[in-house]
Amino acid sequence: MSPQPGDTPATLTRANNAGRWLAIAASAVVAATVVAAIVVMGSPSAQREAKLDARRAADLARIGSAVDRWVERHDAMPPDLATLAAGPGARLAVADPVTGAPYAYNVTGSRSYELCATFATDTAQSGDVTGWPGEAWSHDVGPQCFERKVSEPGKGD
């Protein structure tokens, strides 16, 4: 604030103090907003882990779709993920995006299998799930396996 004719030193000091308090109050509001955003949205590392888990679930969903197509064409379960991923036109992520460890695929029956991955977050509590419509991909922290079944030809699930 520039001095005006007739301003006294006391008036200038009060104006400077008011400006200083306004700046302090604005800084406090900004700091509180940042803290509230981190509490509501989670820390950047928690968001990164959630995105990586969503990618893992999406990878498993794509693998499941590829298994269904394989069985449709070959009338047998694929022997392993490497064979499934090597198929013509297949672009599958068959390994964890962070560790590079392969996802687990185990044939459990003539038309059933399980897909396993290790997750960093718990969507079982939050309800934040990703995957095929109508199917649950909710998971706890740590290694999780999902049982899947290939539908019989001409029959629904």
N, C-alpha and C. Protein backbone atom coordinates (compact mmCIF):
# COMPACT_ATOMS: atom_id res chain seq x y z
N MET A 1 0.86 -1.18 0.00
CA MET A 1 0.00 0.00 0.00
C MET A 1 0.90 1.23 0.00
N SER A 2 0.66 2.13 -0.93
CA SER A 2 1.49 3.34 -0.99
C SER A 2 0.88 4.41 -0.08
N PRO A 3 1.76 5.19 0.53
CA PRO A 3 1.25 6.22 1.45
C PRO A 3 0.43 7.26 0.70
N GLN A 4 -0.61 7.71 1.34
CA GLN A 4 -1.48 8.74 0.79
C GLN A 4 -1.26 10.02 1.61
N PRO A 5 -1.51 11.16 0.99
CA PRO A 5 -1.37 12.40 1.76
C PRO A 5 -2.30 12.36 2.98
N GLY A 6 -1.80 12.68 4.09
CA GLY A 6 -2.58 12.71 5.31
C GLY A 6 -2.49 11.43 6.13
N ASP A 7 -1.85 10.35 5.59
CA ASP A 7 -1.68 9.11 6.36
C ASP A 7 -0.69 9.35 7.48
N THR A 8 -1.02 8.81 8.62
CA THR A 8 -0.11 8.89 9.76
C THR A 8 0.66 7.59 9.85
N PRO A 9 1.78 7.56 10.55
CA PRO A 9 2.52 6.31 10.72
C PRO A 9 1.67 5.22 11.36
N ALA A 10 0.77 5.56 12.25
CA ALA A 10 -0.08 4.55 12.90
C ALA A 10 -1.03 3.93 11.88
N THR A 11 -1.56 4.71 10.96
CA THR A 11 -2.47 4.20 9.92
C THR A 11 -1.71 3.25 9.01
N LEU A 12 -0.50 3.60 8.63
CA LEU A 12 0.31 2.75 7.76
C LEU A 12 0.65 1.44 8.45
N THR A 13 0.96 1.47 9.74
CA THR A 13 1.30 0.26 10.49
C THR A 13 0.09 -0.66 10.57
N ARG A 14 -1.11 -0.10 10.83
CA ARG A 14 -2.32 -0.92 10.89
C ARG A 14 -2.58 -1.56 9.53
N ALA A 15 -2.40 -0.85 8.47
CA ALA A 15 -2.64 -1.38 7.12
C ALA A 15 -1.65 -2.50 6.82
N ASN A 16 -0.39 -2.30 7.19
CA ASN A 16 0.61 -3.35 6.97
C ASN A 16 0.29 -4.59 7.79
N ASN A 17 -0.15 -4.41 9.04
CA ASN A 17 -0.51 -5.55 9.90
C ASN A 17 -1.71 -6.30 9.34
N ALA A 18 -2.69 -5.57 8.84
CA ALA A 18 -3.89 -6.20 8.26
C ALA A 18 -3.49 -7.04 7.04
N GLY A 19 -2.62 -6.50 6.21
CA GLY A 19 -2.14 -7.25 5.04
C GLY A 19 -1.36 -8.49 5.43
N ARG A 20 -0.55 -8.36 6.46
CA ARG A 20 0.24 -9.50 6.93
C ARG A 20 -0.69 -10.59 7.46
N TRP A 21 -1.72 -10.19 8.26
CA TRP A 21 -2.66 -11.19 8.80
C TRP A 21 -3.48 -11.83 7.68
N LEU A 22 -3.82 -11.07 6.67
CA LEU A 22 -4.56 -11.62 5.53
C LEU A 22 -3.70 -12.66 4.80
N ALA A 23 -2.42 -12.39 4.62
CA ALA A 23 -1.50 -13.33 3.97
C ALA A 23 -1.34 -14.59 4.81
N ILE A 24 -1.26 -14.46 6.12
CA ILE A 24 -1.14 -15.61 7.01
C ILE A 24 -2.41 -16.46 6.95
N ALA A 25 -3.57 -15.81 6.98
CA ALA A 25 -4.84 -16.54 6.92
C ALA A 25 -4.97 -17.27 5.59
N ALA A 26 -4.60 -16.64 4.49
CA ALA A 26 -4.67 -17.28 3.17
C ALA A 26 -3.73 -18.48 3.11
N SER A 27 -2.55 -18.35 3.67
CA SER A 27 -1.59 -19.47 3.70
C SER A 27 -2.14 -20.63 4.51
N ALA A 28 -2.78 -20.34 5.63
CA ALA A 28 -3.37 -21.39 6.46
C ALA A 28 -4.49 -22.11 5.72
N VAL A 29 -5.30 -21.38 4.98
CA VAL A 29 -6.38 -21.99 4.20
C VAL A 29 -5.81 -22.90 3.12
N VAL A 30 -4.79 -22.45 2.44
CA VAL A 30 -4.15 -23.27 1.39
C VAL A 30 -3.55 -24.54 2.00
N ALA A 31 -2.85 -24.40 3.12
CA ALA A 31 -2.25 -25.57 3.78
C ALA A 31 -3.34 -26.56 4.22
N ALA A 32 -4.43 -26.06 4.79
CA ALA A 32 -5.53 -26.94 5.22
C ALA A 32 -6.16 -27.65 4.03
N THR A 33 -6.29 -26.96 2.91
CA THR A 33 -6.86 -27.56 1.71
C THR A 33 -5.97 -28.69 1.19
N VAL A 34 -4.68 -28.48 1.19
CA VAL A 34 -3.74 -29.52 0.74
C VAL A 34 -3.82 -30.74 1.66
N VAL A 35 -3.84 -30.51 2.95
CA VAL A 35 -3.93 -31.62 3.91
C VAL A 35 -5.25 -32.37 3.72
N ALA A 36 -6.35 -31.65 3.56
CA ALA A 36 -7.66 -32.29 3.35
C ALA A 36 -7.67 -33.11 2.06
N ALA A 37 -7.06 -32.59 1.01
CA ALA A 37 -7.01 -33.33 -0.25
C ALA A 37 -6.23 -34.62 -0.10
N ILE A 38 -5.12 -34.59 0.62
CA ILE A 38 -4.33 -35.80 0.83
C ILE A 38 -5.10 -36.81 1.67
N VAL A 39 -5.84 -36.34 2.67
CA VAL A 39 -6.62 -37.24 3.51
C VAL A 39 -7.74 -37.89 2.69
N VAL A 40 -8.42 -37.11 1.87
CA VAL A 40 -9.55 -37.63 1.08
C VAL A 40 -9.06 -38.54 -0.05
N MET A 41 -8.07 -38.11 -0.78
CA MET A 41 -7.62 -38.85 -1.98
C MET A 41 -6.52 -39.86 -1.67
N GLY A 42 -5.89 -39.76 -0.55
CA GLY A 42 -4.76 -40.64 -0.26
C GLY A 42 -3.48 -40.01 -0.76
N SER A 43 -2.39 -40.52 -0.25
CA SER A 43 -1.10 -39.96 -0.63
C SER A 43 -0.79 -40.34 -2.07
N PRO A 44 0.13 -39.63 -2.70
CA PRO A 44 0.50 -40.00 -4.07
C PRO A 44 0.97 -41.45 -4.19
N SER A 45 1.68 -41.96 -3.19
CA SER A 45 2.14 -43.35 -3.27
C SER A 45 0.96 -44.31 -3.16
N ALA A 46 -0.05 -43.99 -2.33
CA ALA A 46 -1.24 -44.84 -2.22
C ALA A 46 -2.02 -44.82 -3.53
N GLN A 47 -2.11 -43.68 -4.17
CA GLN A 47 -2.79 -43.59 -5.47
C GLN A 47 -2.06 -44.41 -6.52
N ARG A 48 -0.74 -44.35 -6.49
CA ARG A 48 0.06 -45.13 -7.44
C ARG A 48 -0.18 -46.62 -7.23
N GLU A 49 -0.19 -47.07 -5.97
CA GLU A 49 -0.43 -48.49 -5.69
C GLU A 49 -1.82 -48.92 -6.15
N ALA A 50 -2.81 -48.06 -5.94
CA ALA A 50 -4.18 -48.38 -6.38
C ALA A 50 -4.25 -48.49 -7.90
N LYS A 51 -3.56 -47.60 -8.61
CA LYS A 51 -3.54 -47.67 -10.08
C LYS A 51 -2.84 -48.93 -10.56
N LEU A 52 -1.76 -49.30 -9.91
CA LEU A 52 -1.06 -50.53 -10.29
C LEU A 52 -1.93 -51.76 -10.03
N ASP A 53 -2.66 -51.75 -8.92
CA ASP A 53 -3.57 -52.87 -8.64
C ASP A 53 -4.70 -52.92 -9.66
N ALA A 54 -5.21 -51.76 -10.07
CA ALA A 54 -6.24 -51.73 -11.11
C ALA A 54 -5.68 -52.31 -12.40
N ARG A 55 -4.43 -52.02 -12.68
CA ARG A 55 -3.81 -52.59 -13.88
C ARG A 55 -3.67 -54.11 -13.75
N ARG A 56 -3.28 -54.58 -12.57
CA ARG A 56 -3.17 -56.03 -12.36
C ARG A 56 -4.51 -56.71 -12.59
N ALA A 57 -5.58 -56.13 -12.03
CA ALA A 57 -6.92 -56.70 -12.20
C ALA A 57 -7.33 -56.67 -13.67
N ALA A 58 -7.02 -55.59 -14.36
CA ALA A 58 -7.34 -55.50 -15.80
C ALA A 58 -6.54 -56.53 -16.59
N ASP A 59 -5.27 -56.74 -16.22
CA ASP A 59 -4.46 -57.77 -16.89
C ASP A 59 -5.11 -59.14 -16.71
N LEU A 60 -5.54 -59.45 -15.48
CA LEU A 60 -6.17 -60.74 -15.22
C LEU A 60 -7.47 -60.88 -16.00
N ALA A 61 -8.23 -59.80 -16.11
CA ALA A 61 -9.48 -59.84 -16.88
C ALA A 61 -9.19 -60.13 -18.36
N ARG A 62 -8.16 -59.49 -18.92
CA ARG A 62 -7.79 -59.75 -20.32
C ARG A 62 -7.31 -61.19 -20.50
N ILE A 63 -6.55 -61.68 -19.53
CA ILE A 63 -6.10 -63.08 -19.60
C ILE A 63 -7.32 -64.00 -19.58
N GLY A 64 -8.28 -63.71 -18.73
CA GLY A 64 -9.50 -64.51 -18.67
C GLY A 64 -10.24 -64.53 -19.99
N SER A 65 -10.34 -63.38 -20.63
CA SER A 65 -10.98 -63.32 -21.95
C SER A 65 -10.21 -64.13 -22.98
N ALA A 66 -8.89 -64.07 -22.90
CA ALA A 66 -8.06 -64.83 -23.83
C ALA A 66 -8.21 -66.34 -23.60
N VAL A 67 -8.34 -66.74 -22.34
CA VAL A 67 -8.58 -68.16 -22.03
C VAL A 67 -9.89 -68.60 -22.66
N ASP A 68 -10.93 -67.79 -22.52
CA ASP A 68 -12.23 -68.12 -23.11
C ASP A 68 -12.11 -68.30 -24.63
N ARG A 69 -11.43 -67.37 -25.29
CA ARG A 69 -11.26 -67.48 -26.76
C ARG A 69 -10.45 -68.72 -27.12
N TRP A 70 -9.40 -69.02 -26.34
CA TRP A 70 -8.56 -70.21 -26.60
C TRP A 70 -9.41 -71.48 -26.54
N VAL A 71 -10.21 -71.59 -25.48
CA VAL A 71 -11.04 -72.78 -25.30
C VAL A 71 -12.06 -72.88 -26.44
N GLU A 72 -12.60 -71.74 -26.85
CA GLU A 72 -13.54 -71.73 -27.97
C GLU A 72 -12.90 -72.30 -29.23
N ARG A 73 -11.65 -71.93 -29.50
CA ARG A 73 -10.95 -72.37 -30.71
C ARG A 73 -10.39 -73.78 -30.60
N HIS A 74 -9.87 -74.16 -29.43
CA HIS A 74 -9.14 -75.42 -29.29
C HIS A 74 -9.90 -76.50 -28.50
N ASP A 75 -11.02 -76.14 -27.91
CA ASP A 75 -11.80 -77.04 -27.07
C ASP A 75 -10.94 -77.70 -25.98
N ALA A 76 -10.02 -76.96 -25.46
CA ALA A 76 -9.15 -77.41 -24.36
C ALA A 76 -8.60 -76.16 -23.68
N MET A 77 -8.19 -76.33 -22.43
CA MET A 77 -7.61 -75.22 -21.69
C MET A 77 -6.19 -74.96 -22.19
N PRO A 78 -5.76 -73.71 -22.23
CA PRO A 78 -4.38 -73.44 -22.61
C PRO A 78 -3.44 -74.03 -21.55
N PRO A 79 -2.29 -74.57 -21.98
CA PRO A 79 -1.40 -75.21 -21.00
C PRO A 79 -0.75 -74.22 -20.03
N ASP A 80 -0.46 -73.00 -20.50
CA ASP A 80 0.19 -71.99 -19.65
C ASP A 80 0.00 -70.61 -20.25
N LEU A 81 0.39 -69.60 -19.50
CA LEU A 81 0.21 -68.23 -19.97
C LEU A 81 1.13 -67.88 -21.13
N ALA A 82 2.32 -68.45 -21.15
CA ALA A 82 3.26 -68.17 -22.24
C ALA A 82 2.67 -68.63 -23.57
N THR A 83 2.06 -69.81 -23.59
CA THR A 83 1.43 -70.32 -24.80
C THR A 83 0.25 -69.42 -25.19
N LEU A 84 -0.52 -69.02 -24.21
CA LEU A 84 -1.67 -68.15 -24.46
C LEU A 84 -1.22 -66.81 -25.04
N ALA A 85 -0.17 -66.24 -24.47
CA ALA A 85 0.32 -64.93 -24.92
C ALA A 85 1.00 -65.00 -26.27
N ALA A 86 1.48 -66.19 -26.66
CA ALA A 86 2.18 -66.33 -27.94
C ALA A 86 1.22 -66.53 -29.10
N GLY A 87 -0.07 -66.66 -28.82
CA GLY A 87 -1.06 -66.87 -29.87
C GLY A 87 -1.12 -65.69 -30.82
N PRO A 88 -1.57 -65.94 -32.06
CA PRO A 88 -1.65 -64.86 -33.04
C PRO A 88 -2.57 -63.73 -32.57
N GLY A 89 -2.07 -62.54 -32.66
CA GLY A 89 -2.85 -61.36 -32.28
C GLY A 89 -2.98 -61.13 -30.79
N ALA A 90 -2.40 -62.02 -29.99
CA ALA A 90 -2.52 -61.87 -28.53
C ALA A 90 -1.53 -60.81 -28.05
N ARG A 91 -2.04 -59.86 -27.31
CA ARG A 91 -1.19 -58.86 -26.68
C ARG A 91 -1.54 -58.85 -25.21
N LEU A 92 -1.00 -59.81 -24.51
CA LEU A 92 -1.32 -59.98 -23.10
C LEU A 92 -0.15 -59.62 -22.21
N ALA A 93 -0.45 -58.94 -21.13
CA ALA A 93 0.54 -58.73 -20.08
C ALA A 93 0.39 -59.92 -19.14
N VAL A 94 1.39 -60.77 -19.09
CA VAL A 94 1.31 -61.98 -18.27
C VAL A 94 2.22 -61.89 -17.04
N ALA A 95 2.73 -60.69 -16.77
CA ALA A 95 3.62 -60.51 -15.63
C ALA A 95 3.25 -59.23 -14.89
N ASP A 96 3.56 -59.20 -13.61
CA ASP A 96 3.30 -58.05 -12.76
C ASP A 96 4.03 -56.82 -13.31
N PRO A 97 3.34 -55.67 -13.38
CA PRO A 97 3.98 -54.48 -13.95
C PRO A 97 5.13 -53.91 -13.12
N VAL A 98 5.20 -54.25 -11.85
CA VAL A 98 6.26 -53.72 -10.99
C VAL A 98 7.39 -54.73 -10.82
N THR A 99 7.04 -55.94 -10.39
CA THR A 99 8.07 -56.93 -10.06
C THR A 99 8.52 -57.75 -11.26
N GLY A 100 7.68 -57.82 -12.29
CA GLY A 100 8.01 -58.66 -13.44
C GLY A 100 7.73 -60.13 -13.20
N ALA A 101 7.26 -60.48 -12.00
CA ALA A 101 6.92 -61.88 -11.70
C ALA A 101 5.69 -62.27 -12.51
N PRO A 102 5.70 -63.45 -13.09
CA PRO A 102 4.54 -63.85 -13.91
C PRO A 102 3.30 -64.06 -13.03
N TYR A 103 2.16 -63.72 -13.60
CA TYR A 103 0.90 -64.04 -12.92
C TYR A 103 0.77 -65.56 -12.91
N ALA A 104 0.10 -66.07 -11.89
CA ALA A 104 -0.08 -67.52 -11.79
C ALA A 104 -1.37 -67.91 -12.51
N TYR A 105 -1.28 -69.00 -13.26
CA TYR A 105 -2.42 -69.57 -13.97
C TYR A 105 -2.40 -71.06 -13.68
N ASN A 106 -3.47 -71.57 -13.10
CA ASN A 106 -3.55 -72.99 -12.77
C ASN A 106 -4.86 -73.56 -13.29
N VAL A 107 -4.76 -74.61 -14.09
CA VAL A 107 -5.96 -75.30 -14.56
C VAL A 107 -6.48 -76.13 -13.40
N THR A 108 -7.76 -75.96 -13.07
CA THR A 108 -8.34 -76.68 -11.94
C THR A 108 -9.40 -77.70 -12.36
N GLY A 109 -9.75 -77.72 -13.63
CA GLY A 109 -10.74 -78.66 -14.16
C GLY A 109 -10.76 -78.58 -15.67
N SER A 110 -11.67 -79.33 -16.28
CA SER A 110 -11.71 -79.35 -17.74
C SER A 110 -12.09 -78.00 -18.32
N ARG A 111 -12.83 -77.19 -17.57
CA ARG A 111 -13.22 -75.86 -18.04
C ARG A 111 -13.10 -74.82 -16.92
N SER A 112 -12.21 -75.08 -15.98
CA SER A 112 -12.04 -74.12 -14.88
C SER A 112 -10.55 -73.89 -14.62
N TYR A 113 -10.28 -72.73 -14.06
CA TYR A 113 -8.89 -72.34 -13.80
C TYR A 113 -8.89 -71.25 -12.73
N GLU A 114 -7.70 -70.93 -12.26
CA GLU A 114 -7.56 -69.79 -11.35
C GLU A 114 -6.44 -68.90 -11.86
N LEU A 115 -6.62 -67.62 -11.63
CA LEU A 115 -5.61 -66.61 -11.95
C LEU A 115 -5.21 -65.95 -10.64
N CYS A 116 -3.90 -65.78 -10.46
CA CYS A 116 -3.40 -65.23 -9.20
C CYS A 116 -2.44 -64.07 -9.46
N ALA A 117 -2.49 -63.10 -8.55
CA ALA A 117 -1.57 -61.96 -8.58
C ALA A 117 -1.38 -61.49 -7.15
N THR A 118 -0.36 -60.69 -6.95
CA THR A 118 -0.09 -60.10 -5.63
C THR A 118 -0.46 -58.63 -5.69
N PHE A 119 -1.33 -58.21 -4.78
CA PHE A 119 -1.85 -56.85 -4.77
C PHE A 119 -1.28 -56.05 -3.60
N ALA A 120 -1.21 -54.73 -3.80
CA ALA A 120 -0.65 -53.84 -2.78
C ALA A 120 -1.74 -53.14 -1.97
N THR A 121 -2.97 -53.15 -2.46
CA THR A 121 -4.06 -52.46 -1.77
C THR A 121 -5.21 -53.42 -1.49
N ASP A 122 -6.15 -52.96 -0.68
CA ASP A 122 -7.30 -53.77 -0.29
C ASP A 122 -8.57 -53.16 -0.87
N THR A 123 -9.08 -53.74 -1.95
CA THR A 123 -10.33 -53.23 -2.51
C THR A 123 -11.53 -53.96 -1.94
N ALA A 124 -11.30 -55.02 -1.19
CA ALA A 124 -12.41 -55.75 -0.58
C ALA A 124 -13.15 -54.83 0.39
N GLN A 125 -12.43 -53.95 1.06
CA GLN A 125 -13.05 -53.03 2.00
C GLN A 125 -13.57 -51.77 1.31
N SER A 126 -12.83 -51.26 0.33
CA SER A 126 -13.22 -49.99 -0.29
C SER A 126 -14.30 -50.15 -1.35
N GLY A 127 -14.43 -51.36 -1.90
CA GLY A 127 -15.42 -51.57 -2.96
C GLY A 127 -14.93 -51.09 -4.31
N ASP A 128 -13.70 -50.63 -4.42
CA ASP A 128 -13.14 -50.17 -5.68
C ASP A 128 -12.62 -51.38 -6.44
N VAL A 129 -13.40 -51.88 -7.41
CA VAL A 129 -13.02 -53.08 -8.14
C VAL A 129 -12.99 -52.78 -9.63
N THR A 130 -12.17 -53.56 -10.32
CA THR A 130 -12.02 -53.41 -11.75
C THR A 130 -12.13 -54.79 -12.36
N GLY A 131 -12.69 -54.88 -13.51
CA GLY A 131 -12.74 -56.18 -14.18
C GLY A 131 -13.95 -56.32 -15.05
N TRP A 132 -14.31 -57.56 -15.34
CA TRP A 132 -15.47 -57.83 -16.18
C TRP A 132 -16.72 -57.38 -15.48
N PRO A 133 -17.68 -56.89 -16.26
CA PRO A 133 -18.95 -56.50 -15.63
C PRO A 133 -19.59 -57.69 -14.92
N GLY A 134 -20.10 -57.46 -13.74
CA GLY A 134 -20.80 -58.49 -13.01
C GLY A 134 -19.90 -59.46 -12.27
N GLU A 135 -18.61 -59.34 -12.41
CA GLU A 135 -17.70 -60.25 -11.70
C GLU A 135 -16.90 -59.47 -10.67
N ALA A 136 -16.62 -60.14 -9.58
CA ALA A 136 -15.88 -59.49 -8.49
C ALA A 136 -14.39 -59.71 -8.67
N TRP A 137 -13.66 -58.62 -8.70
CA TRP A 137 -12.19 -58.66 -8.69
C TRP A 137 -11.69 -58.01 -7.41
N SER A 138 -12.54 -57.95 -6.40
CA SER A 138 -12.10 -57.35 -5.14
C SER A 138 -11.05 -58.25 -4.50
N HIS A 139 -10.13 -57.62 -3.80
CA HIS A 139 -8.99 -58.36 -3.25
C HIS A 139 -8.48 -57.71 -1.99
N ASP A 140 -7.81 -58.51 -1.21
CA ASP A 140 -7.08 -58.01 -0.04
C ASP A 140 -5.65 -57.70 -0.47
N VAL A 141 -4.86 -57.24 0.47
CA VAL A 141 -3.44 -57.02 0.23
C VAL A 141 -2.75 -58.38 0.20
N GLY A 142 -1.80 -58.54 -0.72
CA GLY A 142 -1.03 -59.77 -0.80
C GLY A 142 -1.48 -60.67 -1.93
N PRO A 143 -1.00 -61.91 -1.94
CA PRO A 143 -1.34 -62.83 -3.02
C PRO A 143 -2.83 -63.20 -2.99
N GLN A 144 -3.49 -63.10 -4.15
CA GLN A 144 -4.91 -63.41 -4.26
C GLN A 144 -5.14 -64.24 -5.52
N CYS A 145 -6.00 -65.24 -5.42
CA CYS A 145 -6.35 -66.07 -6.58
C CYS A 145 -7.84 -65.93 -6.85
N PHE A 146 -8.20 -65.94 -8.12
CA PHE A 146 -9.58 -65.81 -8.56
C PHE A 146 -9.96 -67.04 -9.35
N GLU A 147 -10.99 -67.75 -8.91
CA GLU A 147 -11.49 -68.93 -9.61
C GLU A 147 -12.35 -68.48 -10.79
N ARG A 148 -12.12 -69.07 -11.94
CA ARG A 148 -12.88 -68.74 -13.14
C ARG A 148 -13.31 -70.02 -13.83
N LYS A 149 -14.41 -69.92 -14.58
CA LYS A 149 -14.95 -71.05 -15.32
C LYS A 149 -15.24 -70.60 -16.74
N VAL A 150 -14.88 -71.42 -17.70
CA VAL A 150 -15.21 -71.15 -19.09
C VAL A 150 -16.59 -71.74 -19.33
N SER A 151 -17.51 -70.94 -19.89
CA SER A 151 -18.87 -71.43 -20.07
C SER A 151 -18.91 -72.51 -21.16
N GLU A 152 -19.85 -73.42 -21.02
CA GLU A 152 -20.04 -74.48 -22.01
C GLU A 152 -20.57 -73.87 -23.29
N PRO A 153 -20.18 -74.39 -24.44
CA PRO A 153 -20.71 -73.85 -25.70
C PRO A 153 -22.23 -73.96 -25.74
N GLY A 154 -22.87 -72.89 -26.16
CA GLY A 154 -24.31 -72.90 -26.28
C GLY A 154 -25.03 -72.68 -24.96
N LYS A 155 -24.30 -72.56 -23.86
CA LYS A 155 -24.90 -72.33 -22.55
C LYS A 155 -24.39 -71.01 -22.00
N GLY A 156 -25.18 -70.41 -21.16
CA GLY A 156 -24.73 -69.21 -20.47
C GLY A 156 -23.80 -69.59 -19.36
N ASP A 157 -23.43 -68.60 -18.55
CA ASP A 157 -22.55 -68.89 -17.40
C ASP A 157 -23.19 -69.77 -16.44
